[in-house]
Amino acid sequence: MHRVALLSLASFILPLALAAQQPPTVPHDSVRGAIRAVNVRARTLEVTTGVGFALRVVRMQVPAGVPITDRNGRQGAALKLAELKPGDVIRAAFGGRATGFVAYTIERVGRMEAGVEPAP
């Protein structure tokens, strides 16, 4: 009888204990914008995004296994974090964790170029 009660209790508590160990995550989001800063040592990336005057900066961690690709280079060519530079336009999928945003995928889609002033 004790064995049945113990197994019943364990089958109730075990799923709760396992769920409590999972890191809290927020459903993933995506951002498209220009890289503001890259810190290779800390593996972070800051992206400026927005519309018109409503700009925001998204700072995210970039774990070592995150795929970074270049749309304009060889299709699907892998890049290293150090190859991303300020001014590169990227699209990144990311999610929220207790430590902040974490990137899942990054794709370089272009580069911001300085505008040319028209002749007077």
C-alpha atoms as a PDB file:
ATOM      1  CA  MET A   1       0.000   0.000   0.000  1.00  0.00           C
ATOM      2  CA  HIS A   2       2.830   2.389   0.856  1.00  0.00           C
ATOM      3  CA  ARG A   3       4.528   1.658  -2.442  1.00  0.00           C
ATOM      4  CA  VAL A   4       1.403   2.636  -4.429  1.00  0.00           C
ATOM      5  CA  ALA A   5       0.991   5.862  -2.459  1.00  0.00           C
ATOM      6  CA  LEU A   6       4.674   6.714  -2.937  1.00  0.00           C
ATOM      7  CA  LEU A   7       4.517   6.056  -6.698  1.00  0.00           C
ATOM      8  CA  SER A   8       1.349   8.155  -6.989  1.00  0.00           C
ATOM      9  CA  LEU A   9       2.982  11.030  -5.144  1.00  0.00           C
ATOM     10  CA  ALA A  10       6.162  10.762  -7.240  1.00  0.00           C
ATOM     11  CA  SER A  11       4.181  10.750 -10.498  1.00  0.00           C
ATOM     12  CA  PHE A  12       2.481  13.970  -9.393  1.00  0.00           C
ATOM     13  CA  ILE A  13       5.588  15.813  -8.129  1.00  0.00           C
ATOM     14  CA  LEU A  14       8.141  14.747 -10.772  1.00  0.00           C
ATOM     15  CA  PRO A  15       6.591  16.695 -13.710  1.00  0.00           C
ATOM     16  CA  LEU A  16       6.340  19.810 -11.544  1.00  0.00           C
ATOM     17  CA  ALA A  17       9.968  19.522 -10.472  1.00  0.00           C
ATOM     18  CA  LEU A  18      11.137  19.080 -14.076  1.00  0.00           C
ATOM     19  CA  ALA A  19       9.098  22.068 -15.275  1.00  0.00           C
ATOM     20  CA  ALA A  20      10.617  24.240 -12.547  1.00  0.00           C
ATOM     21  CA  GLN A  21      14.125  23.490 -13.856  1.00  0.00           C
ATOM     22  CA  GLN A  22      13.412  24.781 -17.362  1.00  0.00           C
ATOM     23  CA  PRO A  23      14.688  28.354 -17.935  1.00  0.00           C
ATOM     24  CA  PRO A  24      11.837  30.818 -18.398  1.00  0.00           C
ATOM     25  CA  THR A  25      11.586  31.883 -22.017  1.00  0.00           C
ATOM     26  CA  VAL A  26       9.449  34.321 -23.908  1.00  0.00           C
ATOM     27  CA  PRO A  27       8.200  33.301 -27.353  1.00  0.00           C
ATOM     28  CA  HIS A  28      10.709  34.300 -29.986  1.00  0.00           C
ATOM     29  CA  ASP A  29      10.587  37.577 -31.841  1.00  0.00           C
ATOM     30  CA  SER A  30      12.472  38.959 -34.807  1.00  0.00           C
ATOM     31  CA  VAL A  31      14.200  42.219 -35.564  1.00  0.00           C
ATOM     32  CA  ARG A  32      15.478  43.792 -38.762  1.00  0.00           C
ATOM     33  CA  GLY A  33      17.828  46.715 -38.475  1.00  0.00           C
ATOM     34  CA  ALA A  34      21.361  48.058 -38.623  1.00  0.00           C
ATOM     35  CA  ILE A  35      24.106  46.808 -36.356  1.00  0.00           C
ATOM     36  CA  ARG A  36      25.098  49.513 -33.904  1.00  0.00           C
ATOM     37  CA  ALA A  37      27.827  47.607 -32.041  1.00  0.00           C
ATOM     38  CA  VAL A  38      29.446  44.168 -32.021  1.00  0.00           C
ATOM     39  CA  ASN A  39      31.346  42.900 -28.976  1.00  0.00           C
ATOM     40  CA  VAL A  40      33.074  39.681 -30.011  1.00  0.00           C
ATOM     41  CA  ARG A  41      34.601  39.085 -26.592  1.00  0.00           C
ATOM     42  CA  ALA A  42      31.262  39.320 -24.734  1.00  0.00           C
ATOM     43  CA  ARG A  43      29.413  37.796 -27.750  1.00  0.00           C
ATOM     44  CA  THR A  44      26.815  40.580 -27.842  1.00  0.00           C
ATOM     45  CA  LEU A  45      25.203  42.494 -30.665  1.00  0.00           C
ATOM     46  CA  GLU A  46      23.286  45.788 -30.615  1.00  0.00           C
ATOM     47  CA  VAL A  47      20.802  46.426 -33.423  1.00  0.00           C
ATOM     48  CA  THR A  48      19.064  49.753 -34.106  1.00  0.00           C
ATOM     49  CA  THR A  49      15.575  49.272 -35.496  1.00  0.00           C
ATOM     50  CA  GLY A  50      12.349  51.193 -35.831  1.00  0.00           C
ATOM     51  CA  VAL A  51      10.237  53.368 -38.086  1.00  0.00           C
ATOM     52  CA  GLY A  52      10.711  57.101 -38.516  1.00  0.00           C
ATOM     53  CA  PHE A  53      11.641  58.711 -35.211  1.00  0.00           C
ATOM     54  CA  ALA A  54      10.488  55.692 -33.194  1.00  0.00           C
ATOM     55  CA  LEU A  55      13.860  53.994 -32.887  1.00  0.00           C
ATOM     56  CA  ARG A  56      14.980  51.402 -30.380  1.00  0.00           C
ATOM     57  CA  VAL A  57      18.137  49.430 -29.698  1.00  0.00           C
ATOM     58  CA  VAL A  58      17.895  45.679 -29.193  1.00  0.00           C
ATOM     59  CA  ARG A  59      20.871  44.156 -27.355  1.00  0.00           C
ATOM     60  CA  MET A  60      21.228  40.390 -27.516  1.00  0.00           C
ATOM     61  CA  GLN A  61      23.648  37.644 -26.560  1.00  0.00           C
ATOM     62  CA  VAL A  62      24.955  35.526 -29.433  1.00  0.00           C
ATOM     63  CA  PRO A  63      25.790  31.986 -28.237  1.00  0.00           C
ATOM     64  CA  ALA A  64      28.588  30.189 -30.076  1.00  0.00           C
ATOM     65  CA  GLY A  65      26.254  27.776 -31.904  1.00  0.00           C
ATOM     66  CA  VAL A  66      24.003  30.456 -33.440  1.00  0.00           C
ATOM     67  CA  PRO A  67      23.960  30.236 -37.262  1.00  0.00           C
ATOM     68  CA  ILE A  68      25.064  33.510 -38.898  1.00  0.00           C
ATOM     69  CA  THR A  69      24.569  33.647 -42.674  1.00  0.00           C
ATOM     70  CA  ASP A  70      24.992  36.160 -45.493  1.00  0.00           C
ATOM     71  CA  ARG A  71      22.163  36.560 -47.980  1.00  0.00           C
ATOM     72  CA  ASN A  72      24.289  38.494 -50.511  1.00  0.00           C
ATOM     73  CA  GLY A  73      27.343  36.263 -50.387  1.00  0.00           C
ATOM     74  CA  ARG A  74      27.353  32.606 -51.258  1.00  0.00           C
ATOM     75  CA  GLN A  75      23.834  31.455 -50.494  1.00  0.00           C
ATOM     76  CA  GLY A  76      23.768  30.177 -46.930  1.00  0.00           C
ATOM     77  CA  ALA A  77      27.475  30.894 -46.381  1.00  0.00           C
ATOM     78  CA  ALA A  78      28.329  30.785 -42.693  1.00  0.00           C
ATOM     79  CA  LEU A  79      29.831  33.876 -41.085  1.00  0.00           C
ATOM     80  CA  LYS A  80      31.606  34.431 -37.801  1.00  0.00           C
ATOM     81  CA  LEU A  81      30.422  37.034 -35.320  1.00  0.00           C
ATOM     82  CA  ALA A  82      33.642  39.008 -35.919  1.00  0.00           C
ATOM     83  CA  GLU A  83      32.684  39.409 -39.604  1.00  0.00           C
ATOM     84  CA  LEU A  84      29.611  41.465 -38.697  1.00  0.00           C
ATOM     85  CA  LYS A  85      30.342  45.193 -38.614  1.00  0.00           C
ATOM     86  CA  PRO A  86      28.440  48.333 -37.572  1.00  0.00           C
ATOM     87  CA  GLY A  87      26.258  49.408 -40.487  1.00  0.00           C
ATOM     88  CA  ASP A  88      25.446  45.851 -41.597  1.00  0.00           C
ATOM     89  CA  VAL A  89      21.707  45.321 -41.982  1.00  0.00           C
ATOM     90  CA  ILE A  90      20.604  42.073 -40.377  1.00  0.00           C
ATOM     91  CA  ARG A  91      17.500  40.063 -39.609  1.00  0.00           C
ATOM     92  CA  ALA A  92      17.673  38.163 -36.325  1.00  0.00           C
ATOM     93  CA  ALA A  93      15.325  35.800 -34.526  1.00  0.00           C
ATOM     94  CA  PHE A  94      15.687  36.038 -30.759  1.00  0.00           C
ATOM     95  CA  GLY A  95      13.972  35.198 -27.501  1.00  0.00           C
ATOM     96  CA  GLY A  96      13.846  36.560 -24.000  1.00  0.00           C
ATOM     97  CA  ARG A  97      15.423  34.869 -21.028  1.00  0.00           C
ATOM     98  CA  ALA A  98      16.054  35.949 -17.465  1.00  0.00           C
ATOM     99  CA  THR A  99      19.506  37.192 -18.558  1.00  0.00           C
ATOM    100  CA  GLY A 100      18.155  39.228 -21.499  1.00  0.00           C
ATOM    101  CA  PHE A 101      17.600  38.591 -25.183  1.00  0.00           C
ATOM    102  CA  VAL A 102      19.368  35.660 -26.859  1.00  0.00           C
ATOM    103  CA  ALA A 103      19.763  35.310 -30.644  1.00  0.00           C
ATOM    104  CA  TYR A 104      18.615  32.109 -32.357  1.00  0.00           C
ATOM    105  CA  THR A 105      19.547  32.961 -35.973  1.00  0.00           C
ATOM    106  CA  ILE A 106      21.180  35.936 -37.678  1.00  0.00           C
ATOM    107  CA  GLU A 107      21.146  36.735 -41.412  1.00  0.00           C
ATOM    108  CA  ARG A 108      23.085  39.643 -42.930  1.00  0.00           C
ATOM    109  CA  VAL A 109      20.837  41.099 -45.639  1.00  0.00           C
ATOM    110  CA  GLY A 110      22.823  44.150 -46.704  1.00  0.00           C
ATOM    111  CA  ARG A 111      24.895  47.115 -45.686  1.00  0.00           C
ATOM    112  CA  MET A 112      23.943  50.743 -45.017  1.00  0.00           C
ATOM    113  CA  GLU A 113      25.744  53.053 -47.408  1.00  0.00           C
ATOM    114  CA  ALA A 114      26.385  56.725 -46.854  1.00  0.00           C
ATOM    115  CA  GLY A 115      23.994  58.826 -48.929  1.00  0.00           C
ATOM    116  CA  VAL A 116      25.357  60.977 -51.721  1.00  0.00           C
ATOM    117  CA  GLU A 117      24.369  64.647 -51.585  1.00  0.00           C
ATOM    118  CA  PRO A 118      22.738  65.862 -54.811  1.00  0.00           C
ATOM    119  CA  ALA A 119      24.602  68.546 -56.719  1.00  0.00           C
ATOM    120  CA  PRO A 120      23.240  72.123 -56.193  1.00  0.00           C
END
